[in-house]
C-alpha atoms as a PDB file:
ATOM      1  CA  UNK A   1      -2.995  33.279  16.555  1.00  0.00           C
ATOM      2  CA  UNK A   2      -5.257  35.377  18.784  1.00  0.00           C
ATOM      3  CA  UNK A   3      -7.030  32.333  20.234  1.00  0.00           C
ATOM      4  CA  UNK A   4      -6.636  32.363  24.035  1.00  0.00           C
ATOM      5  CA  UNK A   5      -8.467  29.146  24.903  1.00  0.00           C
ATOM      6  CA  UNK A   6      -7.039  25.727  25.687  1.00  0.00           C
ATOM      7  CA  UNK A   7      -5.967  23.531  22.783  1.00  0.00           C
ATOM      8  CA  UNK A   8      -6.616  19.784  22.663  1.00  0.00           C
ATOM      9  CA  UNK A   9      -4.859  17.375  20.352  1.00  0.00           C
ATOM     10  CA  UNK A  10      -6.693  14.584  18.563  1.00  0.00           C
ATOM     11  CA  UNK A  11      -5.562  12.095  15.933  1.00  0.00           C
ATOM     12  CA  UNK A  12      -6.721   9.971  13.025  1.00  0.00           C
ATOM     13  CA  UNK A  13      -7.158   6.238  13.256  1.00  0.00           C
ATOM     14  CA  UNK A  14      -6.810   3.196  11.012  1.00  0.00           C
ATOM     15  CA  UNK A  15      -9.034   0.155  10.578  1.00  0.00           C
ATOM     16  CA  UNK A  16      -7.219  -2.714  12.289  1.00  0.00           C
ATOM     17  CA  UNK A  17      -9.448  -5.181  10.419  1.00  0.00           C
ATOM     18  CA  UNK A  18      -7.821  -4.113   7.142  1.00  0.00           C
ATOM     19  CA  UNK A  19      -4.147  -3.904   8.122  1.00  0.00           C
ATOM     20  CA  UNK A  20      -2.198  -6.704   9.814  1.00  0.00           C
ATOM     21  CA  UNK A  21       0.797  -8.953   9.068  1.00  0.00           C
ATOM     22  CA  UNK A  22       0.469 -11.520   6.271  1.00  0.00           C
ATOM     23  CA  UNK A  23       3.008 -13.702   4.471  1.00  0.00           C
ATOM     24  CA  UNK A  24       5.189 -11.875   1.964  1.00  0.00           C
ATOM     25  CA  UNK A  25       4.511 -14.528  -0.671  1.00  0.00           C
ATOM     26  CA  UNK A  26       0.805 -13.697  -0.528  1.00  0.00           C
ATOM     27  CA  UNK A  27       1.641 -10.067  -1.264  1.00  0.00           C
ATOM     28  CA  UNK A  28       4.004 -10.894  -4.121  1.00  0.00           C
ATOM     29  CA  UNK A  29       1.404 -13.161  -5.712  1.00  0.00           C
ATOM     30  CA  UNK A  30      -1.510 -10.738  -5.335  1.00  0.00           C
ATOM     31  CA  UNK A  31       0.437  -7.756  -6.699  1.00  0.00           C
ATOM     32  CA  UNK A  32       2.261  -9.834  -9.326  1.00  0.00           C
ATOM     33  CA  UNK A  33       5.634  -8.614  -8.071  1.00  0.00           C
ATOM     34  CA  UNK A  34       8.911 -10.528  -8.251  1.00  0.00           C
ATOM     35  CA  UNK A  35       9.842 -11.935  -4.818  1.00  0.00           C
ATOM     36  CA  UNK A  36      12.712  -9.790  -3.574  1.00  0.00           C
ATOM     37  CA  UNK A  37      13.554  -7.254  -0.884  1.00  0.00           C
ATOM     38  CA  UNK A  38      12.032  -3.802  -1.420  1.00  0.00           C
ATOM     39  CA  UNK A  39      11.961  -0.339   0.054  1.00  0.00           C
ATOM     40  CA  UNK A  40       8.746   1.505  -0.766  1.00  0.00           C
ATOM     41  CA  UNK A  41       6.861   4.782  -0.863  1.00  0.00           C
ATOM     42  CA  UNK A  42       3.099   5.385  -0.741  1.00  0.00           C
ATOM     43  CA  UNK A  43       1.550   8.808  -1.305  1.00  0.00           C
ATOM     44  CA  UNK A  44       1.071  11.664  -3.716  1.00  0.00           C
ATOM     45  CA  UNK A  45       3.776  12.181  -6.314  1.00  0.00           C
ATOM     46  CA  UNK A  46       4.332  15.878  -5.662  1.00  0.00           C
ATOM     47  CA  UNK A  47       7.358  18.062  -4.959  1.00  0.00           C
ATOM     48  CA  UNK A  48       6.742  18.568  -1.240  1.00  0.00           C
ATOM     49  CA  UNK A  49       6.810  14.803  -0.685  1.00  0.00           C
ATOM     50  CA  UNK A  50      10.580  14.841  -1.228  1.00  0.00           C
ATOM     51  CA  UNK A  51      10.716  11.765  -3.439  1.00  0.00           C
ATOM     52  CA  UNK A  52      13.923  12.949  -5.144  1.00  0.00           C
ATOM     53  CA  UNK A  53      15.704  12.508  -1.813  1.00  0.00           C
ATOM     54  CA  UNK A  54      14.551   8.899  -1.643  1.00  0.00           C
ATOM     55  CA  UNK A  55      15.592   8.187  -5.224  1.00  0.00           C
ATOM     56  CA  UNK A  56      19.054   9.719  -4.763  1.00  0.00           C
ATOM     57  CA  UNK A  57      19.641   8.011  -1.416  1.00  0.00           C
ATOM     58  CA  UNK A  58      18.536   4.712  -2.908  1.00  0.00           C
ATOM     59  CA  UNK A  59      20.798   5.274  -5.914  1.00  0.00           C
ATOM     60  CA  UNK A  60      23.783   5.309  -3.554  1.00  0.00           C
ATOM     61  CA  UNK A  61      22.536   2.176  -1.789  1.00  0.00           C
ATOM     62  CA  UNK A  62      22.032   0.375  -5.105  1.00  0.00           C
ATOM     63  CA  UNK A  63      25.708   0.706  -6.024  1.00  0.00           C
ATOM     64  CA  UNK A  64      26.804  -1.673  -3.285  1.00  0.00           C
ATOM     65  CA  UNK A  65      23.677  -3.650  -2.555  1.00  0.00           C
ATOM     66  CA  UNK A  66      21.965  -5.438  -5.436  1.00  0.00           C
ATOM     67  CA  UNK A  67      19.473  -7.453  -3.397  1.00  0.00           C
ATOM     68  CA  UNK A  68      16.952  -4.671  -2.779  1.00  0.00           C
ATOM     69  CA  UNK A  69      14.853  -2.503  -5.119  1.00  0.00           C
ATOM     70  CA  UNK A  70      12.531   0.478  -4.696  1.00  0.00           C
ATOM     71  CA  UNK A  71       8.807   0.665  -5.497  1.00  0.00           C
ATOM     72  CA  UNK A  72       6.832   3.908  -5.638  1.00  0.00           C
ATOM     73  CA  UNK A  73       3.050   3.794  -5.199  1.00  0.00           C
ATOM     74  CA  UNK A  74       0.842   6.795  -5.935  1.00  0.00           C
ATOM     75  CA  UNK A  75      -0.227   9.342  -8.501  1.00  0.00           C
ATOM     76  CA  UNK A  76       0.134  13.097  -8.719  1.00  0.00           C
ATOM     77  CA  UNK A  77       1.520  15.841 -10.876  1.00  0.00           C
ATOM     78  CA  UNK A  78       2.324  14.367 -14.300  1.00  0.00           C
ATOM     79  CA  UNK A  79       5.198  16.784 -14.928  1.00  0.00           C
ATOM     80  CA  UNK A  80       6.721  15.926 -11.560  1.00  0.00           C
ATOM     81  CA  UNK A  81       6.356  12.212 -12.247  1.00  0.00           C
ATOM     82  CA  UNK A  82       8.127  12.745 -15.564  1.00  0.00           C
ATOM     83  CA  UNK A  83      10.956  14.545 -13.741  1.00  0.00           C
ATOM     84  CA  UNK A  84      11.273  11.644 -11.306  1.00  0.00           C
ATOM     85  CA  UNK A  85      11.598   9.178 -14.162  1.00  0.00           C
ATOM     86  CA  UNK A  86      14.248  11.365 -15.789  1.00  0.00           C
ATOM     87  CA  UNK A  87      16.182  11.456 -12.508  1.00  0.00           C
ATOM     88  CA  UNK A  88      15.973   7.666 -12.248  1.00  0.00           C
ATOM     89  CA  UNK A  89      17.297   7.374 -15.810  1.00  0.00           C
ATOM     90  CA  UNK A  90      20.115   9.826 -15.051  1.00  0.00           C
ATOM     91  CA  UNK A  91      21.102   7.757 -12.005  1.00  0.00           C
ATOM     92  CA  UNK A  92      21.047   4.612 -14.170  1.00  0.00           C
ATOM     93  CA  UNK A  93      18.704   2.757 -11.837  1.00  0.00           C
ATOM     94  CA  UNK A  94      15.771   2.199 -14.209  1.00  0.00           C
ATOM     95  CA  UNK A  95      15.968  -1.531 -13.532  1.00  0.00           C
ATOM     96  CA  UNK A  96      15.866  -0.970  -9.761  1.00  0.00           C
ATOM     97  CA  UNK A  97      13.021   1.553  -9.291  1.00  0.00           C
ATOM     98  CA  UNK A  98       9.429   0.755 -10.216  1.00  0.00           C
ATOM     99  CA  UNK A  99       6.195   2.766 -10.382  1.00  0.00           C
ATOM    100  CA  UNK A 100       3.003   0.878  -9.487  1.00  0.00           C
ATOM    101  CA  UNK A 101       0.640   3.817  -9.833  1.00  0.00           C
ATOM    102  CA  UNK A 102      -2.142   4.214  -7.286  1.00  0.00           C
ATOM    103  CA  UNK A 103      -3.239   1.054  -5.487  1.00  0.00           C
ATOM    104  CA  UNK A 104      -6.812   0.559  -4.247  1.00  0.00           C
ATOM    105  CA  UNK A 105      -7.148   0.624  -0.468  1.00  0.00           C
ATOM    106  CA  UNK A 106      -7.787  -3.108  -0.232  1.00  0.00           C
ATOM    107  CA  UNK A 107      -4.433  -3.903  -1.878  1.00  0.00           C
ATOM    108  CA  UNK A 108      -2.273  -1.713   0.327  1.00  0.00           C
ATOM    109  CA  UNK A 109      -2.048  -4.449   2.961  1.00  0.00           C
ATOM    110  CA  UNK A 110      -0.227  -6.621   0.426  1.00  0.00           C
ATOM    111  CA  UNK A 111       2.168  -3.836  -0.501  1.00  0.00           C
ATOM    112  CA  UNK A 112       3.020  -2.882   3.070  1.00  0.00           C
ATOM    113  CA  UNK A 113       3.743  -6.508   3.920  1.00  0.00           C
ATOM    114  CA  UNK A 114       6.252  -7.133   1.111  1.00  0.00           C
ATOM    115  CA  UNK A 115       8.432  -4.177   2.148  1.00  0.00           C
ATOM    116  CA  UNK A 116      11.504  -4.121   4.336  1.00  0.00           C
ATOM    117  CA  UNK A 117      10.604  -0.507   5.148  1.00  0.00           C
ATOM    118  CA  UNK A 118       8.336   2.275   3.910  1.00  0.00           C
ATOM    119  CA  UNK A 119       9.976   5.689   3.416  1.00  0.00           C
ATOM    120  CA  UNK A 120       8.250   9.080   3.759  1.00  0.00           C
ATOM    121  CA  UNK A 121      10.807  11.807   2.868  1.00  0.00           C
ATOM    122  CA  UNK A 122       8.457  14.819   3.096  1.00  0.00           C
ATOM    123  CA  UNK A 123       9.668  18.440   2.924  1.00  0.00           C
ATOM    124  CA  UNK A 124       8.051  21.204   4.978  1.00  0.00           C
ATOM    125  CA  UNK A 125       7.183  24.317   2.962  1.00  0.00           C
ATOM    126  CA  UNK A 126       5.920  27.812   3.738  1.00  0.00           C
ATOM    127  CA  UNK A 127       2.363  26.565   3.174  1.00  0.00           C
ATOM    128  CA  UNK A 128       2.461  22.904   4.211  1.00  0.00           C
ATOM    129  CA  UNK A 129       3.952  20.449   6.692  1.00  0.00           C
ATOM    130  CA  UNK A 130       3.309  16.720   6.845  1.00  0.00           C
ATOM    131  CA  UNK A 131       0.227  15.821   8.826  1.00  0.00           C
ATOM    132  CA  UNK A 132      -0.651  12.610  10.655  1.00  0.00           C
ATOM    133  CA  UNK A 133       0.087  10.348   7.686  1.00  0.00           C
ATOM    134  CA  UNK A 134      -2.321   7.441   7.975  1.00  0.00           C
ATOM    135  CA  UNK A 135      -0.054   5.322   5.755  1.00  0.00           C
ATOM    136  CA  UNK A 136       2.476   5.314   8.616  1.00  0.00           C
ATOM    137  CA  UNK A 137       0.112   3.570  10.992  1.00  0.00           C
ATOM    138  CA  UNK A 138      -1.358   1.270   8.348  1.00  0.00           C
ATOM    139  CA  UNK A 139       2.133   0.106   7.438  1.00  0.00           C
ATOM    140  CA  UNK A 140       3.281  -0.302  11.046  1.00  0.00           C
ATOM    141  CA  UNK A 141       0.146  -2.340  11.793  1.00  0.00           C
ATOM    142  CA  UNK A 142       1.445  -4.782   9.177  1.00  0.00           C
ATOM    143  CA  UNK A 143       4.677  -5.087  11.147  1.00  0.00           C
ATOM    144  CA  UNK A 144       6.685  -3.076   8.612  1.00  0.00           C
ATOM    145  CA  UNK A 145       8.885  -0.213   9.862  1.00  0.00           C
ATOM    146  CA  UNK A 146       8.494   3.315   8.505  1.00  0.00           C
ATOM    147  CA  UNK A 147      11.460   5.614   7.895  1.00  0.00           C
ATOM    148  CA  UNK A 148      10.424   9.264   7.909  1.00  0.00           C
ATOM    149  CA  UNK A 149      11.727  12.792   7.671  1.00  0.00           C
ATOM    150  CA  UNK A 150      11.456  15.272  10.526  1.00  0.00           C
ATOM    151  CA  UNK A 151       8.595  17.118   8.810  1.00  0.00           C
ATOM    152  CA  UNK A 152       5.489  17.826  10.877  1.00  0.00           C
ATOM    153  CA  UNK A 153       3.848  14.896  12.651  1.00  0.00           C
ATOM    154  CA  UNK A 154       6.011  12.136  11.143  1.00  0.00           C
ATOM    155  CA  UNK A 155       8.452  11.778  14.091  1.00  0.00           C
ATOM    156  CA  UNK A 156       5.596  11.896  16.604  1.00  0.00           C
ATOM    157  CA  UNK A 157       3.686   9.095  14.907  1.00  0.00           C
ATOM    158  CA  UNK A 158       6.722   6.866  14.221  1.00  0.00           C
ATOM    159  CA  UNK A 159       8.166   7.460  17.706  1.00  0.00           C
ATOM    160  CA  UNK A 160      11.548   5.869  16.996  1.00  0.00           C
ATOM    161  CA  UNK A 161      14.602   8.129  16.591  1.00  0.00           C
ATOM    162  CA  UNK A 162      16.497   5.419  14.695  1.00  0.00           C
ATOM    163  CA  UNK A 163      13.982   5.775  11.863  1.00  0.00           C
ATOM    164  CA  UNK A 164      13.860   9.582  11.603  1.00  0.00           C
ATOM    165  CA  UNK A 165      16.149  11.677   9.403  1.00  0.00           C
ATOM    166  CA  UNK A 166      16.495  15.440   9.078  1.00  0.00           C
ATOM    167  CA  UNK A 167      14.227  16.552   6.264  1.00  0.00           C
ATOM    168  CA  UNK A 168      16.005  17.353   2.978  1.00  0.00           C
ATOM    169  CA  UNK A 169      19.108  15.551   4.297  1.00  0.00           C
ATOM    170  CA  UNK A 170      19.433  12.698   1.818  1.00  0.00           C
ATOM    171  CA  UNK A 171      22.773  11.580   3.292  1.00  0.00           C
ATOM    172  CA  UNK A 172      21.069  11.043   6.657  1.00  0.00           C
ATOM    173  CA  UNK A 173      18.374   9.036   4.859  1.00  0.00           C
ATOM    174  CA  UNK A 174      21.086   7.049   3.069  1.00  0.00           C
ATOM    175  CA  UNK A 175      22.660   6.122   6.412  1.00  0.00           C
ATOM    176  CA  UNK A 176      19.358   4.744   7.719  1.00  0.00           C
ATOM    177  CA  UNK A 177      18.741   2.762   4.522  1.00  0.00           C
ATOM    178  CA  UNK A 178      22.292   1.440   4.825  1.00  0.00           C
ATOM    179  CA  UNK A 179      21.502   0.104   8.295  1.00  0.00           C
ATOM    180  CA  UNK A 180      18.732  -1.983   6.744  1.00  0.00           C
ATOM    181  CA  UNK A 181      21.010  -3.376   4.046  1.00  0.00           C
ATOM    182  CA  UNK A 182      23.688  -4.411   6.551  1.00  0.00           C
ATOM    183  CA  UNK A 183      21.090  -5.834   8.988  1.00  0.00           C
ATOM    184  CA  UNK A 184      21.824  -3.354  11.763  1.00  0.00           C
ATOM    185  CA  UNK A 185      18.139  -2.526  11.492  1.00  0.00           C
ATOM    186  CA  UNK A 186      15.715  -5.164  10.231  1.00  0.00           C
ATOM    187  CA  UNK A 187      12.002  -5.613   9.753  1.00  0.00           C
ATOM    188  CA  UNK A 188      12.154  -8.658  12.023  1.00  0.00           C
ATOM    189  CA  UNK A 189      13.764  -6.694  14.872  1.00  0.00           C
ATOM    190  CA  UNK A 190      11.315  -3.789  14.565  1.00  0.00           C
ATOM    191  CA  UNK A 191       8.102  -5.640  13.744  1.00  0.00           C
ATOM    192  CA  UNK A 192       6.847  -6.061  17.307  1.00  0.00           C
ATOM    193  CA  UNK A 193       7.497  -2.388  18.106  1.00  0.00           C
ATOM    194  CA  UNK A 194       5.620  -1.320  14.949  1.00  0.00           C
ATOM    195  CA  UNK A 195       2.573  -3.430  15.732  1.00  0.00           C
ATOM    196  CA  UNK A 196       2.430  -2.243  19.335  1.00  0.00           C
ATOM    197  CA  UNK A 197       2.813   1.384  18.264  1.00  0.00           C
ATOM    198  CA  UNK A 198      -0.039   1.065  15.775  1.00  0.00           C
ATOM    199  CA  UNK A 199      -2.369  -0.041  18.586  1.00  0.00           C
ATOM    200  CA  UNK A 200      -2.297   3.540  19.892  1.00  0.00           C
ATOM    201  CA  UNK A 201      -4.215   4.615  16.782  1.00  0.00           C
ATOM    202  CA  UNK A 202      -7.096   2.169  16.531  1.00  0.00           C
ATOM    203  CA  UNK A 203     -10.705   3.346  16.304  1.00  0.00           C
ATOM    204  CA  UNK A 204     -11.182   2.411  19.960  1.00  0.00           C
ATOM    205  CA  UNK A 205      -8.251   4.580  21.060  1.00  0.00           C
ATOM    206  CA  UNK A 206      -9.447   7.477  18.868  1.00  0.00           C
ATOM    207  CA  UNK A 207     -12.900   7.321  20.490  1.00  0.00           C
ATOM    208  CA  UNK A 208     -11.314   7.350  23.970  1.00  0.00           C
ATOM    209  CA  UNK A 209      -9.214  10.364  22.958  1.00  0.00           C
ATOM    210  CA  UNK A 210     -12.209  12.336  21.703  1.00  0.00           C
ATOM    211  CA  UNK A 211     -14.357  11.467  24.731  1.00  0.00           C
ATOM    212  CA  UNK A 212     -11.522  12.624  26.985  1.00  0.00           C
ATOM    213  CA  UNK A 213     -11.307  15.916  25.076  1.00  0.00           C
ATOM    214  CA  UNK A 214     -15.069  16.442  25.409  1.00  0.00           C
ATOM    215  CA  UNK A 215     -14.914  15.737  29.142  1.00  0.00           C
ATOM    216  CA  UNK A 216     -12.063  18.191  29.682  1.00  0.00           C
ATOM    217  CA  UNK A 217     -13.804  20.810  27.527  1.00  0.00           C
ATOM    218  CA  UNK A 218     -16.922  20.595  29.662  1.00  0.00           C
ATOM    219  CA  UNK A 219     -14.851  20.835  32.839  1.00  0.00           C
ATOM    220  CA  UNK A 220     -13.312  24.048  31.572  1.00  0.00           C
END
């Protein structure tokens, strides 16, 4: 807090050789998943990730729209994972929500590509806010939109107000999911934007960013 110097902002990058659009059928076959529409989540299964909000918002969607399911990818706190499964059972959506566990990096391309949208419902806490979120850019590079909460860097990386909801506001999240089910928002409509946005976070762009920071640092 006492630092008086100039601050420079840098960012992470993704490997564009590993993440790009492929046919959904290739993803379904590789992951052995039933061909269908899916919303998804990728990340740690921990409280601050806000996964309950996603489950409850999806539960409301599932009442009127039977053509889409939810898949959760990741590992984390075993007690928290147990609580999530109990919530899913309470909401009577056990046949609509699936846990894949953690996927190896080389299989994430297949998962991102089968989704209609990835959802990151993170909650800010007194000790943590969401950081860059490399999964956002990896997913967008596959042409799949990312819906995210207003926590930390998520809105900055996604850069599309239609896909951002107020953190901890599951009704706001529900309304965005609803737009995907009624085709107001679609993967097809957003795919080009996602791919173009991801190009701002390639290794080449990250190198340019860091060289620019070094240049400005030396000038100061």
